[in-house]
C-alpha atoms as a PDB file:
ATOM      1  CA  MET A   1     173.514 -13.561  47.470  1.00  0.00           C
ATOM      2  CA  THR A   2     171.338 -13.570  50.579  1.00  0.00           C
ATOM      3  CA  LEU A   3     168.823 -10.844  51.385  1.00  0.00           C
ATOM      4  CA  ARG A   4     171.112  -9.672  54.177  1.00  0.00           C
ATOM      5  CA  ASP A   5     174.058  -9.380  51.771  1.00  0.00           C
ATOM      6  CA  ALA A   6     171.856  -7.568  49.235  1.00  0.00           C
ATOM      7  CA  ALA A   7     170.703  -5.073  51.868  1.00  0.00           C
ATOM      8  CA  ALA A   8     174.290  -4.458  53.005  1.00  0.00           C
ATOM      9  CA  THR A   9     175.409  -4.008  49.407  1.00  0.00           C
ATOM     10  CA  LYS A  10     172.599  -1.541  48.671  1.00  0.00           C
ATOM     11  CA  MET A  11     173.499   0.410  51.804  1.00  0.00           C
ATOM     12  CA  ARG A  12     177.182   0.512  50.821  1.00  0.00           C
ATOM     13  CA  ILE A  13     176.261   1.762  47.348  1.00  0.00           C
ATOM     14  CA  LEU A  14     174.009   4.449  48.835  1.00  0.00           C
ATOM     15  CA  GLU A  15     176.698   5.620  51.255  1.00  0.00           C
ATOM     16  CA  HIS A  16     179.195   6.048  48.421  1.00  0.00           C
ATOM     17  CA  ALA A  17     176.576   7.693  46.211  1.00  0.00           C
ATOM     18  CA  GLN A  18     175.592  10.174  48.932  1.00  0.00           C
ATOM     19  CA  ARG A  19     179.216  11.100  49.527  1.00  0.00           C
ATOM     20  CA  GLN A  20     179.965  11.546  45.839  1.00  0.00           C
ATOM     21  CA  PHE A  21     176.767  13.479  45.023  1.00  0.00           C
ATOM     22  CA  ALA A  22     177.319  15.742  48.049  1.00  0.00           C
ATOM     23  CA  GLN A  23     180.938  16.457  47.149  1.00  0.00           C
ATOM     24  CA  ASN A  24     180.635  16.740  43.374  1.00  0.00           C
ATOM     25  CA  GLY A  25     177.006  17.352  42.429  1.00  0.00           C
ATOM     26  CA  TYR A  26     174.936  15.293  40.041  1.00  0.00           C
ATOM     27  CA  ALA A  27     176.610  15.887  36.668  1.00  0.00           C
ATOM     28  CA  ALA A  28     180.112  14.805  37.679  1.00  0.00           C
ATOM     29  CA  ILE A  29     179.021  11.438  39.080  1.00  0.00           C
ATOM     30  CA  THR A  30     178.915   8.255  37.042  1.00  0.00           C
ATOM     31  CA  VAL A  31     177.362   4.906  37.843  1.00  0.00           C
ATOM     32  CA  LYS A  32     180.746   3.305  37.214  1.00  0.00           C
ATOM     33  CA  GLY A  33     182.459   5.699  39.631  1.00  0.00           C
ATOM     34  CA  VAL A  34     179.998   4.919  42.415  1.00  0.00           C
ATOM     35  CA  ALA A  35     180.192   1.201  41.655  1.00  0.00           C
ATOM     36  CA  ASP A  36     184.001   1.257  41.750  1.00  0.00           C
ATOM     37  CA  ALA A  37     183.997   3.135  45.074  1.00  0.00           C
ATOM     38  CA  ALA A  38     181.490   0.673  46.540  1.00  0.00           C
ATOM     39  CA  GLY A  39     183.389  -2.324  45.158  1.00  0.00           C
ATOM     40  CA  VAL A  40     180.488  -3.619  43.080  1.00  0.00           C
ATOM     41  CA  SER A  41     179.578  -4.068  39.455  1.00  0.00           C
ATOM     42  CA  PRO A  42     177.744  -1.150  37.776  1.00  0.00           C
ATOM     43  CA  ASN A  43     175.080  -3.720  36.869  1.00  0.00           C
ATOM     44  CA  LEU A  44     174.115  -3.937  40.544  1.00  0.00           C
ATOM     45  CA  ILE A  45     173.344  -0.213  40.608  1.00  0.00           C
ATOM     46  CA  THR A  46     171.114  -0.655  37.578  1.00  0.00           C
ATOM     47  CA  ARG A  47     169.507  -3.702  39.180  1.00  0.00           C
ATOM     48  CA  TYR A  48     168.887  -2.070  42.560  1.00  0.00           C
ATOM     49  CA  PHE A  49     168.192   1.526  41.524  1.00  0.00           C
ATOM     50  CA  GLY A  50     167.420   1.513  37.798  1.00  0.00           C
ATOM     51  CA  GLY A  51     170.424   3.700  36.925  1.00  0.00           C
ATOM     52  CA  LYS A  52     171.859   7.064  37.896  1.00  0.00           C
ATOM     53  CA  ASP A  53     168.533   8.887  38.350  1.00  0.00           C
ATOM     54  CA  GLY A  54     167.157   6.164  40.617  1.00  0.00           C
ATOM     55  CA  LEU A  55     170.397   6.097  42.579  1.00  0.00           C
ATOM     56  CA  PHE A  56     170.229   9.876  42.993  1.00  0.00           C
ATOM     57  CA  LEU A  57     166.629   9.693  44.231  1.00  0.00           C
ATOM     58  CA  ALA A  58     167.493   6.947  46.701  1.00  0.00           C
ATOM     59  CA  ALA A  59     170.581   8.834  47.910  1.00  0.00           C
ATOM     60  CA  THR A  60     168.560  11.966  48.580  1.00  0.00           C
ATOM     61  CA  GLN A  61     165.879  10.560  50.860  1.00  0.00           C
ATOM     62  CA  VAL A  62     165.887  13.178  53.602  1.00  0.00           C
ATOM     63  CA  GLU A  63     164.567  13.436  57.128  1.00  0.00           C
ATOM     64  CA  ILE A  64     164.583  16.608  59.184  1.00  0.00           C
ATOM     65  CA  PRO A  65     163.417  16.190  62.768  1.00  0.00           C
ATOM     66  CA  VAL A  66     162.208  19.814  63.068  1.00  0.00           C
ATOM     67  CA  THR A  67     158.994  18.829  64.825  1.00  0.00           C
ATOM     68  CA  ASN A  68     161.100  18.188  67.941  1.00  0.00           C
ATOM     69  CA  SER A  69     161.790  21.932  67.925  1.00  0.00           C
ATOM     70  CA  PHE A  70     158.086  22.739  68.132  1.00  0.00           C
ATOM     71  CA  ASP A  71     157.632  21.355  71.628  1.00  0.00           C
ATOM     72  CA  GLY A  72     157.562  24.381  73.875  1.00  0.00           C
ATOM     73  CA  ASP A  73     156.880  28.076  74.002  1.00  0.00           C
ATOM     74  CA  ARG A  74     157.502  30.328  70.994  1.00  0.00           C
ATOM     75  CA  SER A  75     159.856  32.472  73.104  1.00  0.00           C
ATOM     76  CA  GLU A  76     162.433  29.653  72.942  1.00  0.00           C
ATOM     77  CA  LEU A  77     161.814  28.558  69.335  1.00  0.00           C
ATOM     78  CA  GLY A  78     165.004  30.183  68.019  1.00  0.00           C
ATOM     79  CA  SER A  79     167.280  28.361  70.421  1.00  0.00           C
ATOM     80  CA  ARG A  80     165.546  25.009  69.837  1.00  0.00           C
ATOM     81  CA  LEU A  81     165.665  25.308  66.034  1.00  0.00           C
ATOM     82  CA  ALA A  82     169.270  26.553  66.083  1.00  0.00           C
ATOM     83  CA  ALA A  83     170.349  23.611  68.237  1.00  0.00           C
ATOM     84  CA  SER A  84     168.674  21.171  65.832  1.00  0.00           C
ATOM     85  CA  ILE A  85     170.167  22.840  62.750  1.00  0.00           C
ATOM     86  CA  VAL A  86     173.705  23.077  64.122  1.00  0.00           C
ATOM     87  CA  HIS A  87     173.517  19.476  65.334  1.00  0.00           C
ATOM     88  CA  ARG A  88     172.623  18.392  61.791  1.00  0.00           C
ATOM     89  CA  TRP A  89     175.425  20.445  60.271  1.00  0.00           C
ATOM     90  CA  PHE A  90     178.109  19.244  62.652  1.00  0.00           C
ATOM     91  CA  ASP A  91     177.027  15.815  63.832  1.00  0.00           C
ATOM     92  CA  THR A  92     175.314  14.063  60.916  1.00  0.00           C
ATOM     93  CA  SER A  93     177.324  10.979  60.131  1.00  0.00           C
ATOM     94  CA  GLY A  94     178.107  10.459  56.475  1.00  0.00           C
ATOM     95  CA  GLU A  95     176.918  12.846  53.828  1.00  0.00           C
ATOM     96  CA  ASP A  96     173.689  14.655  54.562  1.00  0.00           C
ATOM     97  CA  PRO A  97     171.071  13.866  51.881  1.00  0.00           C
ATOM     98  CA  LEU A  98     169.714  17.396  52.283  1.00  0.00           C
ATOM     99  CA  LEU A  99     173.129  18.719  51.271  1.00  0.00           C
ATOM    100  CA  VAL A 100     173.089  16.409  48.247  1.00  0.00           C
ATOM    101  CA  LEU A 101     169.745  17.884  47.141  1.00  0.00           C
ATOM    102  CA  LEU A 102     170.898  21.429  47.829  1.00  0.00           C
ATOM    103  CA  ARG A 103     174.044  21.059  45.743  1.00  0.00           C
ATOM    104  CA  ALA A 104     172.245  19.270  42.911  1.00  0.00           C
ATOM    105  CA  SER A 105     169.363  21.751  42.775  1.00  0.00           C
ATOM    106  CA  GLY A 106     171.364  24.099  40.558  1.00  0.00           C
ATOM    107  CA  GLU A 107     172.064  21.322  38.056  1.00  0.00           C
ATOM    108  CA  ARG A 108     168.811  19.432  37.944  1.00  0.00           C
ATOM    109  CA  PRO A 109     165.328  20.912  37.888  1.00  0.00           C
ATOM    110  CA  GLN A 110     164.058  17.670  39.452  1.00  0.00           C
ATOM    111  CA  ALA A 111     166.408  18.155  42.413  1.00  0.00           C
ATOM    112  CA  ALA A 112     165.269  21.772  42.845  1.00  0.00           C
ATOM    113  CA  GLU A 113     161.633  20.668  42.729  1.00  0.00           C
ATOM    114  CA  ALA A 114     162.291  17.827  45.171  1.00  0.00           C
ATOM    115  CA  LEU A 115     164.126  20.166  47.550  1.00  0.00           C
ATOM    116  CA  ALA A 116     161.368  22.797  47.411  1.00  0.00           C
ATOM    117  CA  ALA A 117     158.632  20.198  47.950  1.00  0.00           C
ATOM    118  CA  PHE A 118     160.561  18.590  50.781  1.00  0.00           C
ATOM    119  CA  LEU A 119     161.213  21.904  52.546  1.00  0.00           C
ATOM    120  CA  ASP A 120     157.591  22.986  52.095  1.00  0.00           C
ATOM    121  CA  THR A 121     156.282  19.743  53.580  1.00  0.00           C
ATOM    122  CA  ASN A 122     158.857  19.158  56.304  1.00  0.00           C
ATOM    123  CA  SER A 123     159.928  22.646  57.341  1.00  0.00           C
ATOM    124  CA  LEU A 124     157.825  25.545  56.085  1.00  0.00           C
ATOM    125  CA  GLU A 125     154.349  24.106  56.672  1.00  0.00           C
ATOM    126  CA  PRO A 126     155.057  22.615  60.125  1.00  0.00           C
ATOM    127  CA  LEU A 127     156.657  25.920  61.161  1.00  0.00           C
ATOM    128  CA  HIS A 128     153.668  27.845  59.797  1.00  0.00           C
ATOM    129  CA  HIS A 129     151.271  25.601  61.767  1.00  0.00           C
ATOM    130  CA  TYR A 130     153.362  25.939  64.934  1.00  0.00           C
ATOM    131  CA  LEU A 131     153.424  29.751  64.676  1.00  0.00           C
ATOM    132  CA  ARG A 132     149.684  29.786  63.955  1.00  0.00           C
ATOM    133  CA  ALA A 133     149.040  27.611  67.009  1.00  0.00           C
ATOM    134  CA  SER A 134     151.195  29.947  69.098  1.00  0.00           C
ATOM    135  CA  GLY A 135     148.654  32.731  68.563  1.00  0.00           C
ATOM    136  CA  LEU A 136     149.671  34.455  65.332  1.00  0.00           C
ATOM    137  CA  ASP A 137     147.099  35.082  62.624  1.00  0.00           C
ATOM    138  CA  ASP A 138     147.456  32.955  59.504  1.00  0.00           C
ATOM    139  CA  THR A 139     149.102  35.583  57.286  1.00  0.00           C
ATOM    140  CA  ASP A 140     151.610  36.659  59.941  1.00  0.00           C
ATOM    141  CA  ALA A 141     152.437  33.026  60.781  1.00  0.00           C
ATOM    142  CA  ARG A 142     152.960  32.193  57.097  1.00  0.00           C
ATOM    143  CA  ASP A 143     155.154  35.280  56.525  1.00  0.00           C
ATOM    144  CA  ARG A 144     157.314  34.601  59.584  1.00  0.00           C
ATOM    145  CA  ALA A 145     157.682  30.921  58.680  1.00  0.00           C
ATOM    146  CA  ALA A 146     158.748  31.904  55.144  1.00  0.00           C
ATOM    147  CA  ALA A 147     161.296  34.385  56.523  1.00  0.00           C
ATOM    148  CA  ILE A 148     162.795  31.766  58.871  1.00  0.00           C
ATOM    149  CA  ASP A 149     162.853  29.171  56.096  1.00  0.00           C
ATOM    150  CA  ALA A 150     164.589  31.570  53.671  1.00  0.00           C
ATOM    151  CA  PHE A 151     167.101  32.673  56.303  1.00  0.00           C
ATOM    152  CA  VAL A 152     168.065  29.119  57.282  1.00  0.00           C
ATOM    153  CA  LEU A 153     168.301  28.009  53.652  1.00  0.00           C
ATOM    154  CA  GLY A 154     170.536  30.988  52.865  1.00  0.00           C
ATOM    155  CA  VAL A 155     172.858  30.344  55.802  1.00  0.00           C
ATOM    156  CA  SER A 156     172.908  26.640  54.979  1.00  0.00           C
ATOM    157  CA  THR A 157     173.842  27.382  51.382  1.00  0.00           C
ATOM    158  CA  ARG A 158     176.551  29.803  52.478  1.00  0.00           C
ATOM    159  CA  ARG A 159     178.053  27.383  54.970  1.00  0.00           C
ATOM    160  CA  ARG A 160     177.559  24.033  53.294  1.00  0.00           C
ATOM    161  CA  VAL A 161     177.587  24.676  49.551  1.00  0.00           C
ATOM    162  CA  LEU A 162     179.871  27.706  49.344  1.00  0.00           C
ATOM    163  CA  ARG A 163     181.843  26.330  52.301  1.00  0.00           C
ATOM    164  CA  SER A 164     182.169  29.647  54.125  1.00  0.00           C
ATOM    165  CA  GLU A 165     183.295  29.521  57.729  1.00  0.00           C
ATOM    166  CA  LEU A 166     180.717  31.314  59.832  1.00  0.00           C
ATOM    167  CA  GLY A 167     182.331  31.038  63.246  1.00  0.00           C
ATOM    168  CA  THR A 168     182.579  28.376  65.878  1.00  0.00           C
ATOM    169  CA  ARG A 169     179.786  25.924  66.512  1.00  0.00           C
ATOM    170  CA  ALA A 170     178.734  27.806  69.650  1.00  0.00           C
ATOM    171  CA  ASP A 171     178.860  31.210  67.925  1.00  0.00           C
ATOM    172  CA  LEU A 172     176.890  29.911  64.953  1.00  0.00           C
ATOM    173  CA  GLN A 173     174.243  28.343  67.175  1.00  0.00           C
ATOM    174  CA  SER A 174     173.904  31.531  69.220  1.00  0.00           C
ATOM    175  CA  TRP A 175     173.646  33.764  66.144  1.00  0.00           C
ATOM    176  CA  LEU A 176     171.167  31.469  64.412  1.00  0.00           C
ATOM    177  CA  GLY A 177     169.051  31.199  67.549  1.00  0.00           C
ATOM    178  CA  THR A 178     168.928  34.973  68.061  1.00  0.00           C
ATOM    179  CA  THR A 179     168.103  35.680  64.418  1.00  0.00           C
ATOM    180  CA  ILE A 180     165.472  32.951  64.139  1.00  0.00           C
ATOM    181  CA  GLN A 181     163.870  34.215  67.329  1.00  0.00           C
ATOM    182  CA  ARG A 182     163.747  37.776  65.966  1.00  0.00           C
ATOM    183  CA  LEU A 183     162.054  36.474  62.819  1.00  0.00           C
ATOM    184  CA  ALA A 184     159.585  34.398  64.859  1.00  0.00           C
ATOM    185  CA  ASP A 185     158.752  37.400  67.053  1.00  0.00           C
ATOM    186  CA  GLY A 186     158.387  39.742  64.073  1.00  0.00           C
END
């Protein structure tokens, strides 16, 4: 097997793993089930990822481009963040690794810890620093960032884990933007 074939095979395994973890959580997924869906031997999953835990960790590598939302005045933060969030919810191709972590966090303490650490590093802290740089004192900036983070996580859980319909894309983006802006403005 060439390196190119190995990379394509690993990617195919990860795509199937992300989909299955996102749809069914951690406990219901087996290495054999992912291997069968990807059309490979379970031994390849062990070889490439070390087993189910390694596969889960690889399938939940997450990126959130929230820093793009921090370019500009605080008075427009809500609309920028809402646009980024709704884009992720509606336009992410394949299964969103963040959704995989969110769904698995109730089953696996490691997933909950990974999700919390990821959100702290990639969402809460950058938002706190942005609000601080926009003129808020440190405590107020931290409190507002925590409120926005909790609100978005709650709406995300409601929409993506509990699968509640929360309106059209445009309505959801408008509502999120208005609410985030109110939280940012205090």
